[in-house]
Amino acid sequence: MGRSAPRRRDARIVLIAGVAAWAGLSAASLAVLGAELHVTRAQRALESGGPPPSLVNDPGSPAARVGLLHALRLAQAAEPMSAGPRRQQLLDRAIQGVGQASHKRPAWGEAELVTAYAHALRDGLDDPRTWQALSASYRNAPFLRQAAAWRVAAALACWSRLSKQTQRAVVEEAVWISRIAPDTHPATLALMRGSDAYMAFVLRWRELRATDLN
């Protein structure tokens, strides 16, 4: 018990900006999914307090994506709460919900990222379930524009736990988001500065900038 509380506080410091990034992802997802009848029915079931629809028949269905979005919302709702039974319950439900949504789609990077997010909030960034899910998300979805800021920050916070392959993927995503969204570059650079990834980030950034000039 003595170690879990500090780890959770550390996770909240790193993850506080993640809520804003994920909020954008949620809004975008709703805009796309809302037009589909199956999603509308699933949302109504969730809003009425009923269980999410069955996801086992069609893992790529809108229902699976709604299940994942619902799990994300549970984790987001728990993030600002103080430690306690209600927060624990929401995060437990979020993790369980991701598992149900991805039951027939094991290599789903977005689902693995939501799993990492929920575990980071519940168990801390040093917990193996957090960084293993984070690594899996990079393996199966190496570039996620809406979540890049949170994912890079979380990866840097547990850098020594990550494999060399995952570390390279983190650097690639950080450089990528800086290039496709130049307004994010100062914040990304500030995030990288002082980290073990800083030199690799700068070298890769300069390498790609040089190809732009050729």
Protein backbone atom coordinates (compact mmCIF):
# COMPACT_ATOMS: atom_id res chain seq x y z
CA MET A 1 0.00 0.00 0.00
CA GLY A 2 2.88 2.36 0.73
CA ARG A 3 4.08 2.43 -2.89
CA SER A 4 0.76 2.47 -4.75
CA ALA A 5 -0.42 5.91 -3.63
CA PRO A 6 2.73 7.80 -4.76
CA ARG A 7 2.73 5.91 -8.06
CA ARG A 8 -0.88 6.91 -8.68
CA ARG A 9 -0.12 10.55 -7.89
CA ASP A 10 2.81 10.44 -10.31
CA ALA A 11 0.58 8.92 -12.96
CA ARG A 12 -1.98 11.69 -12.53
CA ILE A 13 0.72 14.35 -12.97
CA VAL A 14 1.81 12.80 -16.26
CA LEU A 15 -1.70 11.94 -17.42
CA ILE A 16 -3.44 15.22 -16.66
CA ALA A 17 -2.93 16.43 -20.24
CA GLY A 18 -4.13 13.10 -21.57
CA VAL A 19 -7.75 13.84 -20.78
CA ALA A 20 -7.82 16.77 -23.19
CA ALA A 21 -6.24 14.70 -25.95
CA TRP A 22 -8.60 11.83 -25.40
CA ALA A 23 -11.58 14.20 -25.27
CA GLY A 24 -10.80 15.18 -28.83
CA LEU A 25 -10.65 11.53 -29.82
CA SER A 26 -13.98 10.88 -28.13
CA ALA A 27 -15.68 13.74 -29.94
CA ALA A 28 -14.29 12.65 -33.28
CA SER A 29 -15.34 9.06 -32.69
CA LEU A 30 -18.85 10.07 -31.76
CA ALA A 31 -19.17 12.22 -34.87
CA VAL A 32 -18.26 9.26 -37.08
CA LEU A 33 -20.15 6.58 -35.20
CA GLY A 34 -23.27 8.57 -34.51
CA ALA A 35 -24.38 8.29 -38.12
CA GLU A 36 -24.61 4.53 -37.92
CA LEU A 37 -27.83 2.96 -36.75
CA HIS A 38 -26.11 0.18 -34.86
CA VAL A 39 -24.09 2.67 -32.89
CA THR A 40 -27.16 4.71 -32.06
CA ARG A 41 -28.80 1.65 -30.58
CA ALA A 42 -25.68 0.83 -28.62
CA GLN A 43 -25.44 4.36 -27.25
CA ARG A 44 -29.07 4.25 -26.16
CA ALA A 45 -28.40 1.00 -24.33
CA LEU A 46 -25.45 2.58 -22.52
CA GLU A 47 -27.36 5.76 -21.66
CA SER A 48 -30.27 3.75 -20.26
CA GLY A 49 -27.93 1.93 -17.93
CA GLY A 50 -28.03 -1.35 -19.81
CA PRO A 51 -24.97 -3.43 -20.64
CA PRO A 52 -22.99 -2.77 -23.83
CA PRO A 53 -24.20 -4.80 -26.82
CA SER A 54 -22.66 -8.17 -27.58
CA LEU A 55 -19.38 -7.73 -29.43
CA VAL A 56 -18.44 -11.31 -30.19
CA ASN A 57 -20.03 -11.67 -33.61
CA ASP A 58 -18.34 -8.76 -35.35
CA PRO A 59 -15.14 -7.47 -33.73
CA GLY A 60 -14.84 -4.68 -36.28
CA SER A 61 -18.41 -3.53 -35.81
CA PRO A 62 -19.51 -0.09 -34.64
CA ALA A 63 -20.67 -1.80 -31.44
CA ALA A 64 -17.10 -2.80 -30.64
CA ARG A 65 -15.94 0.78 -31.14
CA VAL A 66 -18.74 2.07 -28.92
CA GLY A 67 -17.70 -0.44 -26.26
CA LEU A 68 -14.16 0.89 -26.44
CA LEU A 69 -15.35 4.49 -26.32
CA HIS A 70 -17.49 3.70 -23.29
CA ALA A 71 -14.47 2.20 -21.52
CA LEU A 72 -12.47 5.32 -22.34
CA ARG A 73 -15.19 7.54 -20.88
CA LEU A 74 -15.19 5.54 -17.65
CA ALA A 75 -11.44 6.03 -17.31
CA GLN A 76 -11.78 9.72 -18.10
CA ALA A 77 -14.48 10.09 -15.47
CA ALA A 78 -12.23 8.43 -12.88
CA GLU A 79 -9.11 10.50 -13.67
CA PRO A 80 -9.92 13.64 -11.62
CA MET A 81 -11.34 11.72 -8.67
CA SER A 82 -9.52 11.22 -5.41
CA ALA A 83 -8.50 7.68 -4.56
CA GLY A 84 -11.43 5.67 -3.26
CA PRO A 85 -13.90 2.88 -4.00
CA ARG A 86 -15.80 4.81 -6.69
CA ARG A 87 -12.67 5.64 -8.65
CA GLN A 88 -11.45 2.07 -8.33
CA GLN A 89 -14.79 0.76 -9.55
CA LEU A 90 -14.80 3.00 -12.63
CA LEU A 91 -11.29 1.97 -13.60
CA ASP A 92 -12.06 -1.71 -13.01
CA ARG A 93 -15.09 -1.36 -15.29
CA ALA A 94 -13.03 0.47 -17.91
CA ILE A 95 -10.41 -2.28 -18.03
CA GLN A 96 -13.08 -4.96 -18.15
CA GLY A 97 -14.92 -3.07 -20.89
CA VAL A 98 -11.83 -2.87 -23.09
CA GLY A 99 -11.36 -6.60 -22.71
CA GLN A 100 -14.93 -7.23 -23.82
CA ALA A 101 -14.67 -4.85 -26.76
CA SER A 102 -11.44 -6.37 -28.02
CA HIS A 103 -12.26 -10.00 -27.28
CA LYS A 104 -12.24 -10.98 -30.96
CA ARG A 105 -9.68 -8.39 -32.03
CA PRO A 106 -6.56 -8.97 -29.94
CA ALA A 107 -4.17 -6.78 -31.95
CA TRP A 108 -6.14 -3.54 -31.63
CA GLY A 109 -3.74 -0.71 -30.86
CA GLU A 110 -6.40 1.79 -29.78
CA ALA A 111 -7.87 -0.72 -27.32
CA GLU A 112 -4.43 -1.48 -25.93
CA LEU A 113 -3.86 2.23 -25.44
CA VAL A 114 -7.09 2.63 -23.48
CA THR A 115 -5.99 -0.36 -21.39
CA ALA A 116 -2.66 1.35 -20.70
CA TYR A 117 -4.45 4.59 -19.81
CA ALA A 118 -6.80 2.89 -17.34
CA HIS A 119 -4.02 0.81 -15.76
CA ALA A 120 -1.81 3.89 -15.44
CA LEU A 121 -4.56 5.64 -13.50
CA ARG A 122 -5.39 2.63 -11.36
CA ASP A 123 -2.03 0.92 -10.88
CA GLY A 124 0.64 3.46 -11.83
CA LEU A 125 3.06 3.84 -14.71
CA ASP A 126 5.54 1.36 -13.22
CA ASP A 127 2.98 -1.44 -13.19
CA PRO A 128 3.84 -4.08 -15.83
CA ARG A 129 0.26 -4.11 -17.09
CA THR A 130 0.58 -0.42 -17.94
CA TRP A 131 3.81 -0.48 -19.89
CA GLN A 132 3.07 -3.83 -21.51
CA ALA A 133 -0.23 -2.47 -22.86
CA LEU A 134 1.54 0.71 -23.92
CA SER A 135 4.15 -1.34 -25.79
CA ALA A 136 1.42 -3.40 -27.47
CA SER A 137 -0.33 -0.23 -28.59
CA TYR A 138 2.84 0.95 -30.30
CA ARG A 139 3.29 -2.44 -31.94
CA ASN A 140 -0.24 -2.49 -33.38
CA ALA A 141 -0.93 1.23 -33.90
CA PRO A 142 2.41 3.07 -34.14
CA PHE A 143 0.90 6.46 -35.02
CA LEU A 144 -2.16 7.86 -33.25
CA ARG A 145 -2.58 11.57 -33.83
CA GLN A 146 -5.17 12.35 -31.14
CA ALA A 147 -3.41 10.32 -28.47
CA ALA A 148 0.23 10.97 -29.37
CA ALA A 149 0.83 13.62 -26.69
CA TRP A 150 -0.39 11.39 -23.88
CA ARG A 151 1.23 8.25 -25.21
CA VAL A 152 4.66 9.83 -25.65
CA ALA A 153 4.50 11.38 -22.18
CA ALA A 154 3.49 8.08 -20.61
CA ALA A 155 6.22 6.21 -22.51
CA LEU A 156 8.89 8.64 -21.34
CA ALA A 157 7.72 8.18 -17.75
CA CYS A 158 8.37 4.42 -17.94
CA TRP A 159 11.17 4.57 -20.52
CA SER A 160 13.51 2.08 -18.87
CA ARG A 161 10.76 -0.54 -18.87
CA LEU A 162 10.30 -0.41 -22.64
CA SER A 163 12.11 -2.52 -25.20
CA LYS A 164 14.49 -0.87 -27.65
CA GLN A 165 11.95 -1.47 -30.40
CA THR A 166 9.22 0.32 -28.45
CA GLN A 167 11.59 3.17 -27.57
CA ARG A 168 12.30 3.65 -31.26
CA ALA A 169 8.57 3.68 -31.95
CA VAL A 170 8.06 6.38 -29.31
CA VAL A 171 10.70 8.57 -30.93
CA GLU A 172 9.18 7.99 -34.36
CA GLU A 173 5.73 9.02 -33.15
CA ALA A 174 7.09 12.10 -31.39
CA VAL A 175 8.89 13.21 -34.55
CA TRP A 176 5.89 12.36 -36.71
CA ILE A 177 3.41 14.40 -34.64
CA SER A 178 5.85 17.32 -34.59
CA ARG A 179 6.04 17.25 -38.38
CA ILE A 180 2.37 16.82 -39.26
CA ALA A 181 1.23 19.27 -36.55
CA PRO A 182 4.03 21.86 -36.30
CA ASP A 183 2.24 23.76 -33.57
CA THR A 184 2.86 20.78 -31.28
CA HIS A 185 6.62 20.80 -31.85
CA PRO A 186 7.56 23.20 -29.00
CA ALA A 187 5.58 21.15 -26.49
CA THR A 188 7.00 17.88 -27.81
CA LEU A 189 10.54 19.24 -27.69
CA ALA A 190 10.01 20.44 -24.12
CA LEU A 191 8.67 17.01 -23.21
CA MET A 192 11.68 15.28 -24.74
CA ARG A 193 14.29 17.65 -23.32
CA GLY A 194 15.91 16.12 -20.27
CA SER A 195 14.62 12.63 -21.08
CA ASP A 196 16.64 9.64 -22.22
CA ALA A 197 14.93 9.96 -25.60
CA TYR A 198 16.05 13.53 -26.26
CA MET A 199 19.15 12.84 -28.35
CA ALA A 200 17.43 10.19 -30.46
CA PHE A 201 14.52 12.59 -31.03
CA VAL A 202 16.78 15.47 -32.12
CA LEU A 203 18.85 13.30 -34.44
CA ARG A 204 15.78 11.79 -36.10
CA TRP A 205 14.16 15.21 -36.42
CA ARG A 206 17.26 16.63 -38.09
CA GLU A 207 17.56 13.61 -40.37
CA LEU A 208 14.05 14.06 -41.71
CA ARG A 209 14.41 17.83 -41.94
CA ALA A 210 17.49 17.30 -44.11
CA THR A 211 15.50 15.13 -46.52
CA ASP A 212 12.89 17.89 -46.77
CA LEU A 213 15.57 20.28 -48.01
CA ASN A 214 16.90 17.90 -50.65
